[in-house]
Amino acid sequence: MSILSSIEPQNVFHYFEEICSIPHGSGHTDAISNYLAAFAEAHELKYIKDASNNVIIFKPGTSGYETSAPVMLQGHIDMVAVKEKDCPINMDTDGLKLKLENGIISAEGTTLGGDDGIAVAFALAILDSHDIPHPPLEAVFTVDEEIGMLGAVALDCTPLSSRIMLNLDSEDEGYLLVSCAGGATADVQIPVKWENTNEKASAYKLSVSHACGGHSGVEINKQSANASKVLGRVLNALANDFDMKLSTLSGGLKDNAIPTDAEAVVIFSDTDMSDISTPGHADIPANSAHASLQDLISKWNQIIRHECTHTDPDICITLEPVDLPAATMADTSTHTVIDVLMAYPNGVRKMSKDIAGLVQTSLNLGILSTIKPDDQSTNGMVSFKSSVRSSIGSEKDALLNSLKSLATLAGGTLTVTGDYPAWEYREDSPLRDLMVKIFKQQYGKEPVIQALHAGVECGIFASKLPGLDCVSFGPDMDDIHTTNESMNVESVRRTWKYTLKILKELK
């Protein structure tokens, strides 16, 4: 039974409900891609379906718009397919069970896929219409945006003649997205020499925990502590005051997430420290090396908590004894690794001069890891993996080159993967100006011009289609990518009306 058939705009919600009935999680887009191809054939519209499951559907301009500049309608057809633990739906084979309550659409026990199913529904409703005035249309439906924008990367844009693009992959009504960062994953690998551990040495785990973390794109401006960088500062202090070596370092789980925790196994060889406990142990003699070590850890807890009072109030540094590992890094390797960790750039590097509050260039040291060799005849390595972002392509390249220089100085290497282009802000954007004018007419206020310090598909299209004038917008959606995801019906109505006015004016 249809849940959305009674609400306006009926054709939009008809297609949205059909899309929701088709499984279309990232990596599982065969069915939705075939559905779009069948739609094009049923409506006698020219289309292209590529090997990646991307689909392009072409529609001529309506009367009076036949010779107007073509316009691209663009959205992605995959969704983040997440469900609650006790939900019986199979996200690979079943459709969603929709709910409509008090003007809010959601799904029972699963994500809704409004991101970006509503874009697909808008485009299909326009392609299906006979009474909506519009220029020639190129509706571009991409796959696997949610797992790396793979469809947009793979898409052959040669058949596209449009240089005006309406991207419908935003979730805040009243915001016009006009720029995004490009990015890459950078992995600096430093070779490490190993040696047998002195049996009289003592091993301790130094931990940094309870930092707030966050997304390295949209939350890097909060200036939260990076647990791996804090770890580096404490290790540097220890190396200055004690005869110590490293065994392992680790921190973070994803290159695009600010690390909340980091740790290192540290070997102290200058004295027997076997009776030291965690910071705050009352039995440590005041005149011992143990007390000096304890004092240093306490001092750094005070320093970091003072620096992070407003961003990471619960951050904590601890030291606890662990079993002695069989191998440690050589002295030179220990100091090289600590020096690289200290010198490694991190955080906001530059703010935009065009858009207030926008981070222009940043780097996040996301994953710190130690790779030990199978035997001591070969070198292991320490890996510093980071997410590099900038809305200016040359600044991203400059930051990557600085990492390469750092790696070279330390005898290591840099590997760059997942490079994607920036969508640079256009001073002259006729499309943006038109959309601002229409927004003011419809809403009686100015829209918010927004840029994002993260990647979106617009950046890939802008790199493939020189001169592309693009704006991203959409209706209100909350809690996307979670089982609480919802979409506001009234916002969809207003955004639909706004979209049709834009197409009408693009004559």
Protein backbone atom coordinates (compact mmCIF):
# COMPACT_ATOMS: atom_id res chain seq x y z
CA MET A 1 0.00 0.00 0.00
CA SER A 2 1.29 3.43 -0.92
CA ILE A 3 2.22 5.68 2.00
CA LEU A 4 3.02 8.86 0.08
CA SER A 5 0.43 8.88 -2.72
CA SER A 6 -1.79 11.47 -1.06
CA ILE A 7 0.80 14.22 -0.62
CA GLU A 8 1.95 16.89 -3.03
CA PRO A 9 3.85 17.09 -5.27
CA GLN A 10 2.38 13.71 -6.12
CA ASN A 11 4.71 12.79 -8.95
CA VAL A 12 7.80 13.54 -6.86
CA PHE A 13 6.61 11.38 -3.98
CA HIS A 14 5.39 8.69 -6.37
CA TYR A 15 8.90 8.29 -7.73
CA PHE A 16 10.51 8.61 -4.31
CA GLU A 17 8.35 5.77 -3.03
CA GLU A 18 9.22 3.64 -6.06
CA ILE A 19 12.92 4.29 -5.46
CA CYS A 20 12.52 3.27 -1.81
CA SER A 21 10.98 -0.03 -2.93
CA ILE A 22 14.19 -0.91 -4.80
CA PRO A 23 17.30 -1.96 -2.82
CA HIS A 24 20.06 0.51 -3.70
CA GLY A 25 22.75 0.52 -1.07
CA SER A 26 26.23 1.52 -2.16
CA GLY A 27 27.80 -1.28 -4.17
CA HIS A 28 24.37 -2.77 -4.92
CA THR A 29 22.99 -0.51 -7.65
CA ASP A 30 22.14 -2.96 -10.44
CA ALA A 31 18.39 -2.88 -9.74
CA ILE A 32 18.04 0.89 -9.45
CA SER A 33 20.21 1.43 -12.52
CA ASN A 34 18.06 -0.99 -14.53
CA TYR A 35 14.95 0.80 -13.25
CA LEU A 36 16.24 4.12 -14.62
CA ALA A 37 17.07 2.55 -17.98
CA ALA A 38 13.57 1.06 -18.16
CA PHE A 39 12.10 4.46 -17.27
CA ALA A 40 13.97 6.09 -20.16
CA GLU A 41 12.83 3.42 -22.60
CA ALA A 42 9.21 3.66 -21.44
CA HIS A 43 9.29 7.44 -21.96
CA GLU A 44 11.14 7.14 -25.28
CA LEU A 45 14.05 9.21 -23.98
CA LYS A 46 17.61 8.78 -25.14
CA TYR A 47 19.83 7.36 -22.40
CA ILE A 48 23.26 5.94 -21.66
CA LYS A 49 23.96 3.26 -19.04
CA ASP A 50 27.64 2.58 -18.48
CA ALA A 51 29.53 -0.38 -17.03
CA SER A 52 29.58 1.21 -13.57
CA ASN A 53 25.75 1.52 -13.54
CA ASN A 54 25.78 5.29 -14.02
CA VAL A 55 22.80 6.45 -16.11
CA ILE A 56 22.37 9.61 -18.20
CA ILE A 57 18.90 10.45 -19.54
CA PHE A 58 18.41 13.17 -22.15
CA LYS A 59 15.22 15.16 -22.69
CA PRO A 60 14.71 17.93 -25.30
CA GLY A 61 13.71 21.41 -24.22
CA THR A 62 10.03 22.24 -24.08
CA SER A 63 8.32 24.71 -26.42
CA GLY A 64 10.24 27.96 -26.52
CA TYR A 65 13.29 26.38 -24.87
CA GLU A 66 14.46 24.22 -27.76
CA THR A 67 17.64 26.24 -28.35
CA SER A 68 18.34 27.18 -24.73
CA ALA A 69 21.60 26.09 -23.13
CA PRO A 70 21.22 22.53 -21.78
CA VAL A 71 20.99 22.02 -18.03
CA MET A 72 22.25 19.07 -16.01
CA LEU A 73 20.15 17.65 -13.17
CA GLN A 74 22.47 15.55 -11.03
CA GLY A 75 22.20 13.24 -8.05
CA HIS A 76 23.47 9.86 -6.91
CA ILE A 77 21.41 6.67 -6.85
CA ASP A 78 23.14 4.83 -4.02
CA MET A 79 22.27 5.22 -0.35
CA VAL A 80 23.93 4.44 2.97
CA ALA A 81 22.16 1.18 3.81
CA VAL A 82 22.05 0.94 7.61
CA LYS A 83 19.49 -0.80 9.80
CA GLU A 84 18.83 -1.34 13.48
CA LYS A 85 20.01 -4.60 15.01
CA ASP A 86 16.53 -6.13 15.33
CA CYS A 87 15.20 -4.91 11.96
CA PRO A 88 14.16 -7.88 9.76
CA ILE A 89 14.69 -6.04 6.46
CA ASN A 90 17.48 -7.32 4.22
CA MET A 91 19.02 -4.14 2.83
CA ASP A 92 20.42 -6.02 -0.18
CA THR A 93 17.12 -7.55 -1.30
CA ASP A 94 14.21 -5.73 0.35
CA GLY A 95 12.61 -2.35 -0.08
CA LEU A 96 12.16 0.11 2.75
CA LYS A 97 9.10 0.40 4.98
CA LEU A 98 8.17 4.09 4.91
CA LYS A 99 6.45 6.12 7.63
CA LEU A 100 4.66 9.47 7.34
CA GLU A 101 3.97 11.23 10.62
CA ASN A 102 3.21 14.93 11.10
CA GLY A 103 4.69 15.88 7.76
CA ILE A 104 7.91 13.94 8.31
CA ILE A 105 8.95 10.95 6.18
CA SER A 106 11.19 8.26 7.66
CA ALA A 107 11.74 4.52 7.39
CA GLU A 108 11.06 1.87 10.01
CA GLY A 109 14.32 0.53 11.40
CA THR A 110 16.50 1.67 8.50
CA THR A 111 17.99 4.67 6.82
CA LEU A 112 15.59 6.49 4.52
CA GLY A 113 17.88 7.22 1.59
CA GLY A 114 16.53 10.73 1.14
CA ASP A 115 20.20 11.34 0.52
CA ASP A 116 20.01 11.20 -2.41
CA GLY A 117 16.74 9.54 -3.42
CA ILE A 118 14.91 12.85 -3.42
CA ALA A 119 17.24 14.14 -6.15
CA VAL A 120 16.40 11.12 -8.30
CA ALA A 121 12.67 11.64 -7.64
CA PHE A 122 12.87 15.32 -8.62
CA ALA A 123 14.67 14.47 -11.85
CA LEU A 124 12.28 11.67 -12.80
CA ALA A 125 9.23 13.83 -12.10
CA ILE A 126 10.63 16.52 -14.41
CA LEU A 127 11.58 14.00 -17.10
CA ASP A 128 8.07 12.52 -16.88
CA SER A 129 6.26 15.86 -17.09
CA HIS A 130 4.50 17.43 -20.07
CA ASP A 131 3.68 20.80 -18.51
CA ILE A 132 6.92 21.90 -16.81
CA PRO A 133 8.86 24.41 -18.95
CA HIS A 134 12.57 23.65 -19.08
CA PRO A 135 15.68 23.82 -21.31
CA PRO A 136 17.17 20.66 -22.82
CA LEU A 137 17.96 18.37 -19.89
CA GLU A 138 20.77 15.95 -19.14
CA ALA A 139 19.80 14.00 -16.03
CA VAL A 140 22.94 12.38 -14.62
CA PHE A 141 22.52 9.62 -12.05
CA THR A 142 25.77 8.42 -10.48
CA VAL A 143 26.53 5.38 -8.34
CA ASP A 144 28.54 4.82 -5.16
CA GLU A 145 28.87 8.43 -4.10
CA GLU A 146 28.73 7.33 -0.48
CA ILE A 147 31.82 5.13 -0.76
CA GLY A 148 34.18 7.47 -2.57
CA MET A 149 32.21 9.10 -5.41
CA LEU A 150 33.23 6.15 -7.55
CA GLY A 151 30.51 6.62 -10.15
CA ALA A 152 31.35 10.26 -10.81
CA VAL A 153 35.03 9.38 -11.09
CA ALA A 154 34.29 6.61 -13.62
CA LEU A 155 31.73 8.56 -15.66
CA ASP A 156 32.65 9.48 -19.23
CA CYS A 157 31.44 13.07 -19.53
CA THR A 158 32.09 13.30 -23.27
CA PRO A 159 28.36 12.95 -24.15
CA LEU A 160 27.47 15.88 -21.87
CA SER A 161 27.14 19.31 -23.43
CA SER A 162 25.66 21.09 -20.41
CA ARG A 163 27.74 23.65 -18.54
CA ILE A 164 24.96 24.53 -16.09
CA MET A 165 24.47 22.00 -13.31
CA LEU A 166 21.82 21.71 -10.60
CA ASN A 167 23.09 19.26 -8.00
CA LEU A 168 20.35 18.10 -5.62
CA ASP A 169 22.54 16.49 -2.96
CA SER A 170 22.25 18.99 -0.11
CA GLU A 171 20.20 18.57 3.05
CA ASP A 172 19.58 22.11 4.32
CA GLU A 173 16.86 24.22 2.70
CA GLY A 174 17.94 27.81 2.26
CA TYR A 175 21.61 26.97 1.76
CA LEU A 176 23.27 27.14 -1.65
CA LEU A 177 26.51 25.16 -1.82
CA VAL A 178 28.96 26.76 -4.25
CA SER A 179 32.37 25.27 -3.44
CA CYS A 180 33.98 22.22 -1.88
CA ALA A 181 37.42 21.00 -1.00
CA GLY A 182 39.48 18.62 -3.03
CA GLY A 183 41.43 16.02 -1.15
CA ALA A 184 43.72 13.04 -1.03
CA THR A 185 44.97 10.42 1.38
CA ALA A 186 48.68 10.78 2.12
CA ASP A 187 50.71 7.97 3.69
CA VAL A 188 54.19 8.87 4.94
CA GLN A 189 56.11 5.69 5.72
CA ILE A 190 59.34 5.88 7.73
CA PRO A 191 61.62 2.80 7.77
CA VAL A 192 62.54 1.52 11.22
CA LYS A 193 65.47 -0.64 12.37
CA TRP A 194 64.82 -3.11 15.14
CA GLU A 195 67.00 -4.67 17.84
CA ASN A 196 66.59 -7.10 20.71
CA THR A 197 65.19 -5.59 23.88
CA ASN A 198 67.48 -5.38 26.90
CA GLU A 199 66.10 -7.90 29.39
CA LYS A 200 66.76 -5.47 32.26
CA ALA A 201 64.69 -2.73 30.64
CA SER A 202 61.13 -1.86 31.59
CA ALA A 203 58.18 -1.37 29.24
CA TYR A 204 55.25 1.00 29.66
CA LYS A 205 52.24 1.94 27.61
CA LEU A 206 51.82 5.68 27.21
CA SER A 207 48.20 6.48 26.33
CA VAL A 208 46.32 9.58 25.24
CA SER A 209 42.57 9.06 25.51
CA HIS A 210 39.17 10.76 25.59
CA ALA A 211 39.87 13.45 23.01
CA CYS A 212 36.64 14.58 21.34
CA GLY A 213 37.58 13.65 17.78
CA GLY A 214 35.31 14.49 14.86
CA HIS A 215 35.13 14.55 11.06
CA SER A 216 38.34 15.85 9.55
CA GLY A 217 36.45 17.93 7.00
CA VAL A 218 33.44 19.59 8.57
CA GLU A 219 34.81 19.61 12.14
CA ILE A 220 38.50 20.41 11.65
CA ASN A 221 37.71 24.07 12.37
CA LYS A 222 36.81 23.19 15.96
CA GLN A 223 40.56 22.88 16.66
CA SER A 224 40.06 19.73 18.73
CA ALA A 225 43.10 17.88 20.01
CA ASN A 226 44.61 15.24 17.77
CA ALA A 227 45.50 12.39 20.15
CA SER A 228 48.42 11.25 17.96
CA LYS A 229 49.94 14.72 17.91
CA VAL A 230 49.56 15.00 21.70
CA LEU A 231 51.27 11.62 22.00
CA GLY A 232 54.16 12.98 19.95
CA ARG A 233 54.64 15.94 22.28
CA VAL A 234 54.79 13.73 25.37
CA LEU A 235 57.15 11.27 23.67
CA ASN A 236 59.41 14.14 22.70
CA ALA A 237 59.53 15.29 26.32
CA LEU A 238 60.29 11.77 27.51
CA ALA A 239 63.07 11.38 24.94
CA ASN A 240 64.66 14.62 26.12
CA ASP A 241 64.73 13.51 29.79
CA PHE A 242 65.11 9.74 29.70
CA ASP A 243 67.09 7.02 27.94
CA MET A 244 64.16 5.47 26.12
CA LYS A 245 63.22 3.63 22.95
CA LEU A 246 59.96 2.96 21.17
CA SER A 247 58.45 -0.40 20.44
CA THR A 248 55.13 0.49 18.80
CA LEU A 249 52.90 3.49 18.14
CA SER A 250 49.26 3.56 17.14
CA GLY A 251 46.51 6.13 16.92
CA GLY A 252 43.21 6.68 15.13
CA LEU A 253 41.07 4.43 12.97
CA LYS A 254 40.34 6.43 9.79
CA ASP A 255 42.34 8.98 7.86
CA ASN A 256 39.30 11.28 7.70
CA ALA A 257 38.51 11.14 11.44
CA ILE A 258 40.33 13.16 14.11
CA PRO A 259 41.89 10.57 16.46
CA THR A 260 40.40 10.31 19.94
CA ASP A 261 43.02 7.88 21.25
CA ALA A 262 46.69 7.10 20.66
CA GLU A 263 49.29 5.03 22.45
CA ALA A 264 52.93 3.99 22.38
CA VAL A 265 54.87 1.22 24.06
CA VAL A 266 57.98 2.85 25.51
CA ILE A 267 61.10 1.04 26.72
CA PHE A 268 63.16 2.68 29.50
CA SER A 269 66.63 1.21 29.68
CA ASP A 270 68.60 3.56 31.91
CA THR A 271 67.23 2.32 35.22
CA ASP A 272 64.94 -0.35 36.64
CA MET A 273 61.43 1.15 36.75
CA SER A 274 59.61 -2.07 37.43
CA ASP A 275 57.68 -0.74 40.44
CA ILE A 276 56.16 2.30 38.81
CA SER A 277 52.39 2.32 38.49
CA THR A 278 49.98 4.63 36.76
CA PRO A 279 50.20 8.40 37.38
CA GLY A 280 49.18 9.30 40.90
CA HIS A 281 50.83 6.30 42.63
CA ALA A 282 51.40 7.44 46.23
CA ASP A 283 54.29 5.07 46.95
CA ILE A 284 56.80 6.48 44.47
CA PRO A 285 59.83 7.91 46.32
CA ALA A 286 60.12 11.65 45.84
CA ASN A 287 63.80 11.48 44.95
CA SER A 288 63.63 8.60 42.48
CA ALA A 289 63.70 8.45 38.69
CA HIS A 290 60.16 7.16 39.03
CA ALA A 291 59.12 10.42 40.63
CA SER A 292 60.72 12.34 37.77
CA LEU A 293 58.77 10.28 35.27
CA GLN A 294 55.60 10.68 37.29
CA ASP A 295 56.15 14.42 37.51
CA LEU A 296 56.57 14.65 33.75
CA ILE A 297 53.33 12.79 33.01
CA SER A 298 51.45 14.90 35.56
CA LYS A 299 52.92 18.05 34.06
CA TRP A 300 51.77 17.11 30.56
CA ASN A 301 48.29 16.27 31.78
CA GLN A 302 48.10 19.79 33.17
CA ILE A 303 49.50 21.36 29.99
CA ILE A 304 47.17 19.54 27.59
CA ARG A 305 44.09 19.96 29.75
CA HIS A 306 44.81 23.67 30.02
CA GLU A 307 45.20 23.97 26.24
CA CYS A 308 42.08 21.89 25.56
CA THR A 309 39.75 23.17 28.28
CA HIS A 310 37.08 24.20 25.79
CA THR A 311 37.59 21.57 23.08
CA ASP A 312 38.60 18.34 24.84
CA PRO A 313 37.82 18.68 28.56
CA ASP A 314 38.17 14.95 29.28
CA ILE A 315 41.47 14.32 27.50
CA CYS A 316 43.82 12.23 29.62
CA ILE A 317 47.44 11.02 29.51
CA THR A 318 48.33 7.83 31.39
CA LEU A 319 51.28 5.48 31.79
CA GLU A 320 51.05 1.84 32.83
CA PRO A 321 53.47 -1.11 32.90
CA VAL A 322 53.20 -3.77 30.18
CA ASP A 323 55.08 -6.92 29.29
CA LEU A 324 58.52 -6.37 27.82
CA PRO A 325 58.39 -6.80 24.02
CA ALA A 326 61.02 -8.89 22.27
CA ALA A 327 62.15 -6.09 19.97
CA THR A 328 62.44 -2.33 20.12
CA MET A 329 63.29 0.34 17.60
CA ALA A 330 66.93 1.27 17.39
CA ASP A 331 67.90 4.54 19.03
CA THR A 332 68.21 6.43 15.73
CA SER A 333 64.86 5.10 14.51
CA THR A 334 63.19 6.06 17.79
CA HIS A 335 64.33 9.66 17.52
CA THR A 336 63.54 9.88 13.81
CA VAL A 337 59.97 8.68 14.36
CA ILE A 338 59.43 11.11 17.23
CA ASP A 339 60.88 13.97 15.17
CA VAL A 340 58.56 13.17 12.25
CA LEU A 341 55.55 12.98 14.58
CA MET A 342 56.50 16.35 16.07
CA ALA A 343 57.08 18.00 12.68
CA TYR A 344 54.07 16.46 10.93
CA PRO A 345 51.64 19.26 9.96
CA ASN A 346 48.12 18.96 11.29
CA GLY A 347 44.90 20.92 11.51
CA VAL A 348 43.74 24.09 9.78
CA ARG A 349 46.43 25.52 7.52
CA LYS A 350 44.53 28.40 5.92
CA MET A 351 41.10 30.05 6.04
CA SER A 352 39.20 31.25 2.97
CA LYS A 353 39.20 34.94 2.07
CA ASP A 354 36.09 34.51 -0.11
CA ILE A 355 33.69 32.82 2.32
CA ALA A 356 33.70 33.75 6.00
CA GLY A 357 34.40 30.87 8.36
CA LEU A 358 35.41 28.42 5.62
CA VAL A 359 38.51 26.32 6.14
CA GLN A 360 40.41 26.54 2.86
CA THR A 361 43.25 24.09 3.50
CA SER A 362 43.77 21.48 6.21
CA LEU A 363 45.45 18.23 7.08
CA ASN A 364 44.40 15.56 9.56
CA LEU A 365 46.86 12.96 10.83
CA GLY A 366 44.25 10.23 11.08
CA ILE A 367 46.06 6.91 11.44
CA LEU A 368 49.38 6.26 13.17
CA SER A 369 50.54 2.65 12.96
CA THR A 370 53.62 0.46 13.37
CA ILE A 371 54.39 -2.32 10.93
CA LYS A 372 56.93 -4.76 12.36
CA PRO A 373 58.98 -7.01 10.07
CA ASP A 374 58.67 -10.78 10.16
CA ASP A 375 62.25 -10.96 11.35
CA GLN A 376 64.93 -8.47 12.33
CA SER A 377 66.83 -8.90 9.06
CA THR A 378 64.38 -6.55 7.37
CA ASN A 379 63.15 -3.08 8.27
CA GLY A 380 59.70 -2.41 9.57
CA MET A 381 58.08 0.98 9.30
CA VAL A 382 55.89 3.53 10.99
CA SER A 383 53.01 4.84 8.89
CA PHE A 384 51.56 8.34 9.20
CA LYS A 385 48.32 8.37 7.20
CA SER A 386 46.45 11.63 6.77
CA SER A 387 43.56 13.28 4.96
CA VAL A 388 44.65 16.38 3.03
CA ARG A 389 41.97 18.86 1.91
CA SER A 390 41.86 22.20 0.14
CA SER A 391 39.38 24.16 -1.94
CA ILE A 392 42.40 25.47 -3.90
CA GLY A 393 44.08 22.74 -5.91
CA SER A 394 47.56 24.29 -5.81
CA GLU A 395 47.46 24.53 -2.00
CA LYS A 396 46.57 20.85 -1.72
CA ASP A 397 49.52 20.03 -3.98
CA ALA A 398 51.82 22.24 -1.90
CA LEU A 399 50.82 20.46 1.29
CA LEU A 400 51.39 17.05 -0.30
CA ASN A 401 54.82 18.21 -1.48
CA SER A 402 55.71 19.32 2.05
CA LEU A 403 54.83 15.83 3.29
CA LYS A 404 57.03 14.36 0.58
CA SER A 405 59.92 16.55 1.73
CA LEU A 406 59.38 15.50 5.35
CA ALA A 407 59.38 11.84 4.32
CA THR A 408 62.54 12.30 2.26
CA LEU A 409 64.40 14.00 5.12
CA ALA A 410 63.54 11.04 7.36
CA GLY A 411 64.57 8.47 4.74
CA GLY A 412 60.98 7.50 4.03
CA THR A 413 58.42 7.65 1.25
CA LEU A 414 55.08 9.28 0.50
CA THR A 415 52.20 7.46 -1.18
CA VAL A 416 49.16 9.45 -2.33
CA THR A 417 45.82 7.73 -3.04
CA GLY A 418 42.19 8.73 -3.50
CA ASP A 419 43.03 12.11 -5.01
CA TYR A 420 39.91 14.07 -5.95
CA PRO A 421 39.61 17.64 -7.26
CA ALA A 422 38.38 20.78 -5.56
CA TRP A 423 35.31 22.67 -6.68
CA GLU A 424 36.75 26.16 -6.56
CA TYR A 425 34.59 29.16 -5.74
CA ARG A 426 33.56 31.19 -8.81
CA GLU A 427 33.52 34.95 -8.42
CA ASP A 428 31.31 35.13 -11.53
CA SER A 429 28.46 32.63 -11.39
CA PRO A 430 25.35 33.56 -13.39
CA LEU A 431 23.62 30.45 -12.05
CA ARG A 432 24.31 31.39 -8.43
CA ASP A 433 23.14 34.96 -9.06
CA LEU A 434 19.92 33.71 -10.67
CA MET A 435 19.23 31.26 -7.86
CA VAL A 436 19.79 33.97 -5.24
CA LYS A 437 17.34 36.26 -7.05
CA ILE A 438 14.66 33.56 -7.32
CA PHE A 439 15.18 32.53 -3.71
CA LYS A 440 14.62 36.09 -2.50
CA GLN A 441 11.44 36.30 -4.60
CA GLN A 442 10.05 33.05 -3.21
CA TYR A 443 11.23 33.18 0.40
CA GLY A 444 11.54 36.91 1.02
CA LYS A 445 15.07 36.59 2.35
CA GLU A 446 18.63 35.91 1.22
CA PRO A 447 19.85 32.31 0.96
CA VAL A 448 23.01 31.30 2.79
CA ILE A 449 25.93 30.92 0.38
CA GLN A 450 27.87 27.94 1.64
CA ALA A 451 31.12 26.12 0.94
CA LEU A 452 32.07 22.74 2.34
CA HIS A 453 35.47 21.60 3.57
CA ALA A 454 34.83 18.11 2.25
CA GLY A 455 34.43 16.51 -1.15
CA VAL A 456 31.22 16.40 -3.20
CA GLU A 457 30.53 15.19 -6.72
CA CYS A 458 30.37 18.75 -8.04
CA GLY A 459 34.15 18.95 -7.76
CA ILE A 460 34.61 15.94 -10.02
CA PHE A 461 32.18 17.29 -12.61
CA ALA A 462 33.83 20.71 -12.49
CA SER A 463 37.19 19.09 -13.23
CA LYS A 464 35.76 17.15 -16.19
CA LEU A 465 33.61 19.93 -17.67
CA PRO A 466 35.63 23.17 -17.98
CA GLY A 467 33.55 26.26 -17.36
CA LEU A 468 30.85 24.39 -15.44
CA ASP A 469 28.55 26.67 -13.43
CA CYS A 470 27.15 24.59 -10.59
CA VAL A 471 25.12 25.03 -7.41
CA SER A 472 24.04 22.32 -4.96
CA PHE A 473 20.82 22.59 -2.94
CA GLY A 474 18.03 20.47 -1.50
CA PRO A 475 15.23 20.13 1.07
CA ASP A 476 15.62 19.69 4.81
CA MET A 477 16.75 16.25 5.94
CA ASP A 478 17.88 15.28 9.42
CA ASP A 479 20.16 12.52 10.74
CA ILE A 480 21.20 11.29 7.30
CA HIS A 481 23.14 8.00 7.21
CA THR A 482 21.42 6.86 10.43
CA THR A 483 18.24 4.94 11.21
CA ASN A 484 16.76 8.23 12.48
CA GLU A 485 17.02 9.82 9.02
CA SER A 486 13.98 11.90 8.09
CA MET A 487 12.77 14.29 5.39
CA ASN A 488 10.42 17.25 5.75
CA VAL A 489 7.44 17.19 3.35
CA GLU A 490 6.83 20.96 3.40
CA SER A 491 10.50 21.58 2.68
CA VAL A 492 10.31 19.21 -0.29
CA ARG A 493 7.32 21.16 -1.62
CA ARG A 494 9.09 24.50 -1.34
CA THR A 495 12.29 23.13 -2.87
CA TRP A 496 10.32 21.59 -5.74
CA LYS A 497 8.64 24.93 -6.44
CA TYR A 498 12.04 26.63 -6.28
CA THR A 499 13.58 24.10 -8.69
CA LEU A 500 10.83 24.60 -11.27
CA LYS A 501 11.24 28.38 -11.11
CA ILE A 502 14.97 28.01 -11.75
CA LEU A 503 14.36 25.83 -14.81
CA LYS A 504 11.76 28.27 -16.11
CA GLU A 505 14.21 31.17 -15.84
CA LEU A 506 17.03 29.28 -17.59
CA LYS A 507 15.66 30.12 -21.02
